[in-house]
Protein backbone atom coordinates (compact mmCIF):
# COMPACT_ATOMS: atom_id res chain seq x y z
CA MET A 1 161.81 97.99 190.19
CA THR A 2 159.19 95.18 189.49
CA ALA A 3 157.81 94.66 186.03
CA LYS A 4 154.46 95.75 187.39
CA ASN A 5 155.76 99.01 188.75
CA GLU A 6 157.85 99.68 185.59
CA PHE A 7 154.85 99.21 183.43
CA GLN A 8 152.68 101.38 185.69
CA ARG A 9 155.25 104.16 185.35
CA HIS A 10 154.98 103.69 181.53
CA ALA A 11 151.22 103.77 181.81
CA ILE A 12 151.26 106.96 183.74
CA ALA A 13 153.66 108.58 181.20
CA ALA A 14 151.37 107.41 178.42
CA HIS A 15 148.39 108.90 180.11
CA LEU A 16 150.21 112.13 180.58
CA ALA A 17 151.41 112.24 176.93
CA GLN A 18 147.95 111.63 175.68
CA THR A 19 145.87 113.80 177.97
CA LEU A 20 148.04 116.40 179.59
CA ALA A 21 150.71 117.39 177.10
CA GLY A 22 148.37 118.55 174.32
CA PRO A 23 146.35 121.06 176.48
CA ALA A 24 149.44 122.31 178.30
CA ARG A 25 151.23 123.07 175.02
CA ALA A 26 148.05 124.77 173.76
CA ILE A 27 148.10 127.06 176.76
CA SER A 28 151.67 128.04 175.88
CA GLY A 29 150.74 128.62 172.27
CA PHE A 30 147.76 130.81 173.11
CA GLN A 31 149.81 132.78 175.59
CA GLU A 32 152.37 133.53 172.87
CA LEU A 33 149.51 134.45 170.47
CA LEU A 34 147.96 136.75 173.04
CA LEU A 35 151.28 138.37 173.74
CA GLU A 36 151.71 139.20 170.11
CA GLN A 37 148.21 140.71 170.00
CA VAL A 38 148.69 142.71 173.12
CA GLN A 39 151.96 144.19 171.74
CA ASN A 40 150.34 144.95 168.33
CA HIS A 41 147.48 146.79 170.09
CA SER A 42 149.80 148.55 172.56
CA LEU A 43 148.00 147.03 175.55
CA VAL A 44 151.10 147.20 177.71
CA HIS A 45 149.29 147.05 180.99
CA ILE A 46 148.14 143.52 180.20
CA THR A 47 151.64 142.30 179.42
CA PRO A 48 152.86 141.51 182.97
CA ASP A 49 149.82 139.21 183.67
CA LEU A 50 150.39 137.48 180.30
CA GLU A 51 154.04 137.03 181.09
CA ARG A 52 153.07 135.36 184.43
CA VAL A 53 150.75 133.05 182.58
CA GLY A 54 153.67 132.24 180.28
CA ALA A 55 156.00 131.47 183.12
CA ALA A 56 153.41 129.16 184.72
CA ALA A 57 152.79 127.41 181.37
CA ARG A 58 156.48 126.87 180.92
CA GLN A 59 156.71 125.33 184.39
CA LEU A 60 153.73 123.07 183.63
CA ASN A 61 155.14 121.93 180.38
CA SER A 62 158.55 121.26 181.94
CA LEU A 63 156.94 119.11 184.70
CA ILE A 64 154.92 117.11 182.10
CA ASP A 65 158.01 116.60 179.80
CA SER A 66 160.02 115.35 182.78
CA LEU A 67 157.31 112.87 183.56
CA ILE A 68 156.97 111.72 180.04
CA HIS A 69 160.71 111.10 179.67
CA GLY A 70 161.11 109.55 183.00
CA LYS A 71 163.22 112.28 184.54
CA ALA A 72 160.86 113.29 187.36
CA ASP A 73 161.98 112.56 190.91
CA TYR A 74 159.15 110.28 192.06
CA PRO A 75 159.41 107.12 194.23
CA ASP A 76 159.77 103.89 192.33
CA HIS A 77 157.10 102.04 194.45
CA ALA A 78 154.49 104.11 192.50
CA GLY A 79 150.85 104.14 193.61
CA ARG A 80 149.13 106.81 195.70
CA GLU A 81 152.28 108.76 196.56
CA ILE A 82 152.86 109.50 192.85
CA GLU A 83 149.25 110.52 192.51
CA ALA A 84 149.38 112.91 195.41
CA LYS A 85 152.66 114.55 194.30
CA LEU A 86 151.49 114.81 190.74
CA ARG A 87 148.24 116.47 191.68
CA HIS A 88 150.10 118.93 193.96
CA ASP A 89 152.88 119.82 191.39
CA LEU A 90 150.51 120.10 188.38
CA ARG A 91 147.87 122.15 190.23
CA THR A 92 150.38 124.88 191.28
CA PRO A 93 151.15 126.30 187.81
CA LEU A 94 147.56 125.46 186.65
CA ASN A 95 146.06 127.65 189.46
CA ALA A 96 148.45 130.49 188.49
CA ILE A 97 147.40 130.11 184.80
CA ILE A 98 143.69 130.18 185.68
CA GLY A 99 143.98 133.03 188.11
CA TYR A 100 145.89 135.40 185.85
CA SER A 101 143.86 134.39 182.78
CA GLU A 102 140.63 135.28 184.67
CA MET A 103 142.14 138.72 185.44
CA ILE A 104 143.13 139.25 181.73
CA LEU A 105 139.64 138.23 180.66
CA GLU A 106 138.05 140.86 182.87
CA GLU A 107 140.28 143.53 181.41
CA ALA A 108 139.64 142.34 177.84
CA GLU A 109 135.88 142.52 178.39
CA GLU A 110 136.19 146.02 179.79
CA LEU A 111 138.21 147.12 176.84
CA HIS A 112 135.91 145.32 174.33
CA GLU A 113 138.96 143.43 172.93
CA HIS A 114 136.88 140.52 171.57
CA ALA A 115 139.85 138.82 169.91
CA LEU A 116 141.67 138.76 173.28
CA ASP A 117 138.48 137.58 174.99
CA GLU A 118 138.03 134.62 172.68
CA ASP A 119 141.71 133.47 172.97
CA VAL A 120 141.72 133.83 176.83
CA ARG A 121 138.57 131.73 177.03
CA VAL A 122 140.13 128.97 174.96
CA MET A 123 143.17 129.06 177.25
CA LEU A 124 140.91 128.87 180.32
CA ALA A 125 139.06 125.92 178.75
CA ALA A 126 142.41 124.13 178.15
CA ALA A 127 143.34 124.72 181.76
CA ALA A 128 139.98 123.36 182.97
CA GLU A 129 140.53 120.25 180.80
CA LEU A 130 143.91 119.80 182.36
CA LEU A 131 142.43 119.99 185.84
CA ALA A 132 139.90 117.29 184.97
CA HIS A 133 142.67 115.04 183.76
CA VAL A 134 144.74 115.70 186.90
CA ASP A 135 141.78 114.69 189.04
CA ALA A 136 141.37 111.54 186.91
CA ILE A 137 144.95 110.44 187.64
CA ALA A 138 143.65 108.93 190.92
CA GLY A 139 141.91 106.22 188.91
CA LEU A 140 145.18 105.16 187.38
CA SER A 141 146.79 104.22 190.74
CA ARG A 142 143.64 102.63 192.11
CA ALA A 143 143.34 100.51 188.99
CA SER A 144 146.87 99.27 189.52
CA ASP A 145 145.93 97.75 192.83
CA ASN A 146 144.31 95.00 190.84
CA GLU A 147 147.01 92.26 190.57
CA GLY A 148 145.44 90.83 187.41
CA LEU A 149 145.81 94.16 185.48
CA TRP A 150 149.46 93.79 184.47
CA THR A 151 150.99 90.89 182.54
CA THR A 152 154.59 90.04 181.73
CA ASP A 153 153.89 90.90 177.99
CA GLN A 154 152.54 94.31 178.99
CA ALA A 155 155.51 94.93 181.26
CA GLU A 156 157.81 94.28 178.21
CA ILE A 157 155.81 96.51 175.90
CA ASP A 158 158.15 98.20 173.38
CA ALA A 159 158.36 101.92 172.57
CA ALA A 160 156.57 101.55 169.27
CA GLY A 161 153.69 99.77 170.86
CA LEU A 162 153.46 102.45 173.58
CA GLU A 163 153.49 105.14 171.00
CA ARG A 164 150.65 103.50 169.20
CA ALA A 165 148.66 103.15 172.32
CA LEU A 166 149.08 106.85 172.88
CA GLY A 167 148.13 107.68 169.24
CA LYS A 168 145.79 110.59 168.95
CA THR A 169 144.14 111.79 165.75
CA GLU A 170 145.09 115.30 164.53
CA ARG A 171 141.81 116.91 163.47
CA ASP A 172 142.75 120.11 161.74
CA ALA A 173 143.09 120.99 158.15
CA PHE A 174 144.12 124.54 157.24
CA SER A 175 143.90 126.53 153.98
CA GLY A 176 144.67 130.22 153.56
CA ARG A 177 145.18 133.21 151.37
CA ASN A 178 148.89 132.44 151.42
CA GLY A 179 148.12 128.67 151.29
CA ARG A 180 145.29 126.31 151.92
CA ILE A 181 146.41 124.17 154.79
CA LEU A 182 145.00 120.92 156.27
CA VAL A 183 145.83 120.46 159.96
CA VAL A 184 145.16 117.08 161.54
CA ASP A 185 145.17 116.87 165.36
CA ASP A 186 142.98 115.06 167.89
CA ILE A 187 143.39 117.65 170.62
CA GLY A 188 140.80 120.35 170.28
CA SER A 189 142.90 123.10 171.91
CA ASN A 190 145.86 122.26 169.67
CA ARG A 191 143.69 122.55 166.60
CA ASP A 192 142.18 125.86 167.79
CA LEU A 193 145.61 127.30 168.60
CA LEU A 194 147.15 126.26 165.32
CA SER A 195 144.13 127.41 163.37
CA ARG A 196 144.14 130.77 165.00
CA ARG A 197 147.90 131.21 164.35
CA LEU A 198 147.65 130.23 160.73
CA LEU A 199 144.57 132.45 160.20
CA HIS A 200 146.49 135.26 161.83
CA ASP A 201 149.24 134.75 159.20
CA GLY A 202 146.77 134.92 156.40
CA HIS A 203 146.06 131.24 155.60
CA GLN A 204 142.83 129.47 155.03
CA VAL A 205 142.20 126.71 157.60
CA VAL A 206 140.37 123.38 157.54
CA THR A 207 140.57 120.94 160.50
CA ALA A 208 140.25 117.17 160.85
CA GLU A 209 140.09 115.24 164.11
CA SER A 210 141.47 111.86 162.88
CA GLY A 211 143.36 110.22 160.13
CA LEU A 212 140.21 108.94 158.53
CA SER A 213 138.56 112.38 158.63
CA ALA A 214 141.73 113.85 157.14
CA LEU A 215 141.44 111.51 154.17
CA THR A 216 137.81 112.59 153.74
CA ARG A 217 138.76 116.26 153.75
CA LEU A 218 141.54 115.54 151.18
CA ALA A 219 138.85 113.97 148.93
CA GLU A 220 136.65 117.01 149.22
CA TYR A 221 139.11 119.93 148.92
CA GLU A 222 142.41 120.88 147.32
CA PHE A 223 145.23 121.66 149.78
CA ASP A 224 148.59 123.28 149.53
CA LEU A 225 150.01 121.83 152.75
CA VAL A 226 149.16 119.17 155.37
CA LEU A 227 150.21 119.47 159.06
CA LEU A 228 149.88 115.93 160.24
CA ASP A 229 150.18 114.65 163.76
CA ILE A 230 151.95 111.29 164.35
CA LEU A 231 149.96 109.83 167.29
CA MET A 232 146.30 109.18 166.44
CA PRO A 233 143.89 106.51 167.58
CA ASP A 234 142.24 105.20 164.34
CA MET A 235 145.18 105.58 162.01
CA ASN A 236 148.52 107.08 162.99
CA GLY A 237 150.23 109.86 161.11
CA ILE A 238 152.72 107.65 159.33
CA GLU A 239 149.95 105.47 157.96
CA VAL A 240 148.02 108.52 156.78
CA LEU A 241 151.23 109.85 155.22
CA SER A 242 151.74 106.55 153.37
CA ARG A 243 148.14 106.76 151.98
CA LEU A 244 148.84 110.33 150.78
CA LYS A 245 151.99 109.39 148.99
CA ALA A 246 150.44 106.35 147.41
CA GLU A 247 147.59 108.40 145.81
CA ARG A 248 148.52 110.09 142.56
CA ARG A 249 146.21 113.12 143.32
CA TRP A 250 147.73 113.77 146.77
CA ARG A 251 151.42 112.73 146.55
CA HIS A 252 152.49 116.22 145.45
CA ILE A 253 151.11 117.87 148.57
CA PRO A 254 153.86 118.68 151.06
CA VAL A 255 153.42 117.26 154.59
CA ILE A 256 154.85 118.50 157.83
CA MET A 257 154.67 115.94 160.56
CA ILE A 258 153.90 117.37 164.06
CA SER A 259 154.40 115.50 167.31
CA GLY A 260 155.43 115.72 170.94
CA LEU A 261 157.80 112.77 170.46
CA ASN A 262 161.36 113.98 170.37
CA GLU A 263 162.73 110.74 168.99
CA VAL A 264 165.18 110.28 166.07
CA ASP A 265 163.46 107.02 164.99
CA ALA A 266 160.09 108.80 164.61
CA VAL A 267 161.64 111.59 162.48
CA VAL A 268 163.44 108.97 160.35
CA ARG A 269 160.26 106.96 159.75
CA CYS A 270 158.39 110.09 158.72
CA ILE A 271 161.05 111.30 156.29
CA GLU A 272 161.31 107.77 154.81
CA ALA A 273 157.58 107.74 154.38
CA GLY A 274 157.76 110.95 152.33
CA ALA A 275 157.33 113.77 154.83
CA ASP A 276 158.75 117.15 153.87
CA ASP A 277 159.54 118.28 157.35
CA TYR A 278 159.05 117.53 161.03
CA LEU A 279 158.07 119.86 163.89
CA LEU A 280 157.97 119.26 167.63
CA LYS A 281 155.28 120.45 170.02
CA PRO A 282 155.16 123.07 171.54
CA PHE A 283 155.71 125.11 168.39
CA ASN A 284 158.18 127.96 168.23
CA PRO A 285 156.08 130.49 166.33
CA VAL A 286 158.96 131.83 164.29
CA LEU A 287 160.07 128.36 163.33
CA LEU A 288 156.55 127.26 162.52
CA ARG A 289 156.00 130.20 160.32
CA ALA A 290 159.29 129.69 158.56
CA ARG A 291 158.68 125.97 157.94
CA ILE A 292 155.18 126.56 156.64
CA ASN A 293 156.30 129.35 154.31
CA SER A 294 159.13 127.16 153.00
CA SER A 295 156.82 124.25 152.33
CA LEU A 296 154.25 126.44 150.62
CA GLU A 297 156.98 127.96 148.39
CA LYS A 298 158.15 124.51 147.43
CA LYS A 299 154.59 123.61 146.56
CA ARG A 300 154.26 126.74 144.44
CA TRP A 301 157.43 125.84 142.56
CA ARG A 302 156.20 122.29 141.99
CA ASP A 303 152.90 123.60 140.73
CA ARG A 304 154.64 126.05 138.35
CA GLU A 305 156.94 123.21 137.21
CA HIS A 306 153.94 120.97 136.58
CA GLN A 307 152.20 123.72 134.67
CA TYR A 308 155.29 124.31 132.56
CA LEU A 309 155.61 120.62 131.91
CA GLN A 310 151.98 120.50 130.83
CA ARG A 311 152.50 123.45 128.46
CA ILE A 312 155.63 121.83 127.03
CA GLU A 313 153.71 118.59 126.58
CA ALA A 314 150.89 120.41 124.90
CA GLU A 315 153.27 122.33 122.57
CA LYS A 316 155.02 119.00 121.84
CA ARG A 317 151.64 117.40 120.88
CA ARG A 318 150.82 120.43 118.78
CA ALA A 319 154.22 120.28 117.02
CA ASP A 320 153.80 116.54 116.46
CA SER A 321 150.39 117.13 115.02
CA LEU A 322 151.66 119.76 112.70
CA LEU A 323 154.53 117.46 111.68
CA HIS A 324 152.14 114.67 110.97
CA ALA A 325 150.11 117.05 108.90
CA VAL A 326 152.95 117.69 106.48
CA LEU A 327 154.99 114.49 106.68
CA PRO A 328 154.05 110.74 106.55
CA GLY A 329 153.94 109.05 109.91
CA GLN A 330 156.89 106.77 109.26
CA ILE A 331 159.04 109.72 108.32
CA VAL A 332 158.07 111.54 111.51
CA ALA A 333 159.00 108.45 113.57
CA ARG A 334 162.45 108.25 111.78
CA LEU A 335 162.99 111.94 112.31
CA GLN A 336 162.14 111.75 116.01
CA GLY A 337 164.36 108.73 116.24
CA GLY A 338 167.36 110.80 115.37
CA GLU A 339 167.87 110.20 111.62
CA GLU A 340 169.39 113.34 110.06
CA ILE A 341 169.37 112.24 106.47
CA ILE A 342 166.31 110.42 105.22
CA ALA A 343 166.51 109.27 101.59
CA ASP A 344 165.20 106.07 100.01
CA ARG A 345 164.83 104.53 96.56
CA PHE A 346 161.61 102.76 95.71
CA GLU A 347 161.41 100.53 92.60
CA GLU A 348 157.75 100.72 92.12
CA VAL A 349 155.57 103.63 93.16
CA THR A 350 152.47 105.14 91.55
CA ILE A 351 152.36 108.94 91.26
CA LEU A 352 149.20 111.07 90.74
CA PHE A 353 149.00 114.63 89.58
CA ALA A 354 145.72 116.57 89.56
CA ASP A 355 145.49 120.01 88.09
CA ILE A 356 142.69 122.59 87.81
CA VAL A 357 141.56 123.25 84.22
CA GLY A 358 141.44 126.94 83.31
CA PHE A 359 142.51 128.08 86.74
CA SER A 360 143.92 131.43 85.58
CA PRO A 361 140.59 132.93 84.22
CA ILE A 362 138.77 131.69 87.33
CA ALA A 363 141.32 133.30 89.65
CA ALA A 364 141.20 136.56 87.72
CA LYS A 365 137.50 137.18 88.43
CA LEU A 366 137.23 135.87 91.96
CA PRO A 367 138.12 137.97 95.07
CA ALA A 368 141.29 136.67 96.79
CA SER A 369 139.47 135.47 99.88
CA ASP A 370 136.86 133.53 97.81
CA LEU A 371 139.54 131.96 95.74
CA ILE A 372 141.53 130.78 98.79
CA LYS A 373 138.34 129.41 100.42
CA ARG A 374 137.49 127.43 97.31
CA LEU A 375 141.01 126.07 96.94
CA ASP A 376 141.11 125.14 100.61
CA ARG A 377 137.74 123.38 100.33
CA LEU A 378 138.94 121.52 97.26
CA PHE A 379 142.36 120.37 98.58
CA SER A 380 140.87 119.49 101.96
CA MET A 381 138.48 117.19 100.23
CA PHE A 382 141.40 115.66 98.33
CA ASP A 383 143.27 115.22 101.57
CA ALA A 384 140.36 113.37 103.12
CA LEU A 385 140.09 111.05 100.03
CA ALA A 386 143.85 110.38 100.01
CA GLU A 387 143.63 109.32 103.64
CA LYS A 388 140.63 107.05 102.86
CA HIS A 389 142.49 105.34 100.16
CA SER A 390 145.82 105.18 102.08
CA VAL A 391 147.72 107.27 99.51
CA GLU A 392 150.31 109.78 100.77
CA LYS A 393 149.73 113.38 99.81
CA ILE A 394 153.09 114.76 98.76
CA LYS A 395 152.34 118.47 98.14
CA THR A 396 150.33 121.10 96.35
CA ILE A 397 152.02 123.16 93.63
CA GLY A 398 149.93 126.20 92.95
CA ASP A 399 146.66 124.76 91.68
CA ALA A 400 148.12 121.26 91.25
CA TYR A 401 147.89 118.38 93.79
CA MET A 402 150.47 115.61 93.96
CA ALA A 403 150.13 112.17 95.73
CA ALA A 404 151.97 108.95 95.78
CA CYS A 405 151.37 105.33 96.80
CA GLY A 406 153.99 102.72 97.62
CA LEU A 407 156.10 104.99 99.80
CA PRO A 408 157.40 105.50 102.42
CA GLU A 409 156.14 101.97 102.95
CA PRO A 410 155.97 99.69 99.86
CA ALA A 411 152.43 98.43 98.97
CA ALA A 412 151.48 95.62 96.51
CA ASP A 413 148.26 97.38 95.46
CA HIS A 414 149.79 100.84 95.11
CA ALA A 415 148.38 101.31 91.46
CA ASP A 416 144.88 100.29 92.40
CA ARG A 417 144.81 102.62 95.43
CA THR A 418 145.96 105.55 93.36
CA VAL A 419 143.50 104.98 90.56
CA ALA A 420 140.74 104.60 93.20
CA LEU A 421 141.81 107.95 94.62
CA GLY A 422 141.67 109.71 91.23
CA LYS A 423 138.23 108.24 90.49
CA SER A 424 136.94 109.43 93.87
CA MET A 425 138.29 112.93 93.12
CA LEU A 426 136.45 113.11 89.88
CA ASP A 427 133.25 111.78 91.36
CA SER A 428 133.36 114.25 94.29
CA LEU A 429 133.84 117.20 91.84
CA ARG A 430 130.86 116.10 89.72
CA LEU A 431 128.69 116.06 92.92
CA LEU A 432 129.88 119.60 93.81
CA ALA A 433 129.49 120.99 90.30
CA SER A 434 127.50 124.23 90.31
CA GLY A 435 127.64 127.01 87.73
CA SER A 436 130.35 128.23 85.35
CA ASP A 437 132.82 128.82 88.19
CA SER A 438 132.99 125.17 89.22
CA PHE A 439 136.49 123.61 89.23
CA ARG A 440 137.29 120.96 86.72
CA VAL A 441 140.49 118.89 86.89
CA ARG A 442 142.74 116.70 84.81
CA ILE A 443 144.47 113.77 86.38
CA GLY A 444 147.62 111.96 85.25
CA VAL A 445 149.00 108.70 86.77
CA HIS A 446 152.23 106.82 86.12
CA THR A 447 154.11 103.98 87.85
CA GLY A 448 157.84 103.46 88.18
CA PRO A 449 160.96 103.89 90.34
CA VAL A 450 161.48 107.08 92.41
CA ILE A 451 163.80 108.51 94.98
CA ALA A 452 162.03 110.06 98.09
CA GLY A 453 163.52 111.93 101.00
CA LEU A 454 163.33 114.68 103.48
CA ILE A 455 164.82 118.07 102.60
CA GLY A 456 165.07 121.36 104.56
CA ARG A 457 165.86 122.12 108.25
CA HIS A 458 163.55 124.92 109.20
CA ARG A 459 160.69 123.78 107.04
CA PHE A 460 160.73 120.04 106.34
CA VAL A 461 159.47 118.81 103.01
CA TYR A 462 159.03 115.12 102.09
CA ASP A 463 159.44 115.11 98.36
CA VAL A 464 159.74 112.64 95.41
CA TRP A 465 162.08 112.86 92.45
CA GLY A 466 162.69 110.91 89.26
CA GLU A 467 161.43 110.32 85.68
CA THR A 468 158.33 108.69 87.04
CA VAL A 469 157.23 112.04 88.59
CA ASN A 470 157.95 113.89 85.39
CA ILE A 471 155.94 111.50 83.25
CA ALA A 472 152.94 111.59 85.72
CA SER A 473 152.98 115.39 85.51
CA ARG A 474 153.08 115.45 81.71
CA LEU A 475 150.27 112.83 81.55
CA GLU A 476 148.18 115.22 83.52
CA SER A 477 149.11 118.30 81.42
CA GLN A 478 148.17 116.41 78.15
CA GLY A 479 145.16 114.73 79.64
CA VAL A 480 141.42 115.38 79.28
CA ALA A 481 139.33 117.63 81.56
CA ASP A 482 137.18 115.63 84.09
CA ARG A 483 139.12 112.42 83.16
CA MET A 484 142.08 110.47 84.54
CA GLN A 485 144.83 109.36 82.13
CA ILE A 486 147.12 106.53 83.11
CA SER A 487 150.22 105.08 81.51
CA GLU A 488 150.80 101.57 80.24
CA ALA A 489 153.18 100.93 83.26
CA THR A 490 150.23 101.74 85.60
CA ARG A 491 147.85 99.55 83.64
CA ARG A 492 150.24 96.63 84.04
CA ALA A 493 150.57 97.27 87.82
CA LEU A 494 146.75 97.11 88.39
CA HIS A 495 145.44 94.00 90.11
CA SER A 496 141.74 94.91 90.13
CA SER A 497 139.40 95.11 87.13
CA TRP A 498 139.12 98.68 85.91
CA GLU A 499 137.28 99.83 82.79
CA LEU A 500 139.94 101.37 80.69
CA GLU A 501 139.53 103.30 77.41
CA PRO A 502 142.64 103.09 75.16
CA ARG A 503 143.73 106.51 73.91
CA CYS A 504 145.90 107.25 70.98
CA THR A 505 149.61 107.28 71.44
CA VAL A 506 150.71 110.43 73.32
CA GLU A 507 153.88 112.28 72.57
CA LEU A 508 155.42 113.34 75.82
CA ARG A 509 158.09 116.04 75.80
CA GLY A 510 161.49 114.61 76.73
CA VAL A 511 160.03 111.05 76.86
CA GLY A 512 158.60 110.27 73.38
CA LYS A 513 155.59 108.31 72.40
CA MET A 514 153.67 106.45 75.11
CA GLU A 515 150.53 104.28 75.25
CA THR A 516 147.94 105.78 77.62
CA TYR A 517 144.49 104.94 78.84
CA LEU A 518 141.52 106.90 80.23
CA VAL A 519 139.76 105.43 83.20
CA ARG A 520 135.99 105.24 82.52
CA HIS A 521 133.51 106.75 84.92
């Protein structure tokens, strides 16, 4: 066989794959759909004619498949003999399909079975489309008479190039109650058939006629599944699939590739590109339904998993937020890093205690809810001031507030920060003062070595121990209302200029005499 005749055979096969196979398979699909409807409505007298349509459709599809795969017994010298035999062989089953379909249509109209009526008309339209293509085959052989039409490069065209030349855009996108499905197919009858079948199964349906229109639909709507044809003119199915998997918002959508190409290479390329499944035309209704349901179920599980992960992440963020609310950030990081025992010694830390003066009488005459609200407002204000001055809140003990600076990260200006915090506390209380029930506080500050660490397992507490803590507490308890009393050690640790008022020597229980100072307003 010459290169010219060989390429002509390929060209005829390509033409058949592109223009005949789609409508022929649609006829088979609608015949199966009609048969199901007839059986569901007990219209048994229509069944024989439908079965004859099915037999003719199978004969038609078998002939087209044999032509596409080069198994038909036609002369190698091509040309008009192929044309004549093709037209004869294809017209025989087509005439049977049209004749019996017209008879079924008449009966459906008499019985007012509008669903049957619509499907039969679509089947007749597909048959009419096929007849038009069969008549157009004559142009293929006449064009081949032009010697300049074929070139050596065209004769040596590879299978991939031929497939691309045959590419047709799948137009449909389906979405349903069971799932929202996008179907992409360039053959109108294929789209209609698949849409009807999916709608019959309870799905919502959206259609697209090309790869580009499919991407547009995806940008407009949310889908649970995409049925994507391989051969399309503007952008083939594998290219569309690659775009889907490259987009973060689409990559989770399962994709079933659909094609009339029964080639292992095509299947492998689709799976490698990220397809979830592959179906051949014509569709087996049972297999189609099973594959779609399986893909939708996978999508639902993926969605549930994504929701669970989002919830877990939200709970983790919430837990982290709560952890940061009760522990210093560095301690949280060490805890999350796997440290089980967190204990450190710091040689120079400044400790602050603030205590409410005359708290018991105030608490006795206030309703519980009012008391808690006022304490919450006071300590929340102290928290905000501690954060402003970069001082760590350690804890509240009843009506007392404890803070420290120089831990868990050492700081050269720890004494200045702590004194600044105490001054801000007193200034804020003076601004809020109103009536006899206003809170008044004493503040004590001392500087020295401490041990700090994390204790507890179910309720973590970052605490501080040592004589420095005890002295700061006693400086507060023996201090002056609305004033801040600091120790000599704190005075020596200050770097900034503060107005200090020397106080008489204070006798601290368990410590002895100590020089102290009051920080002036």
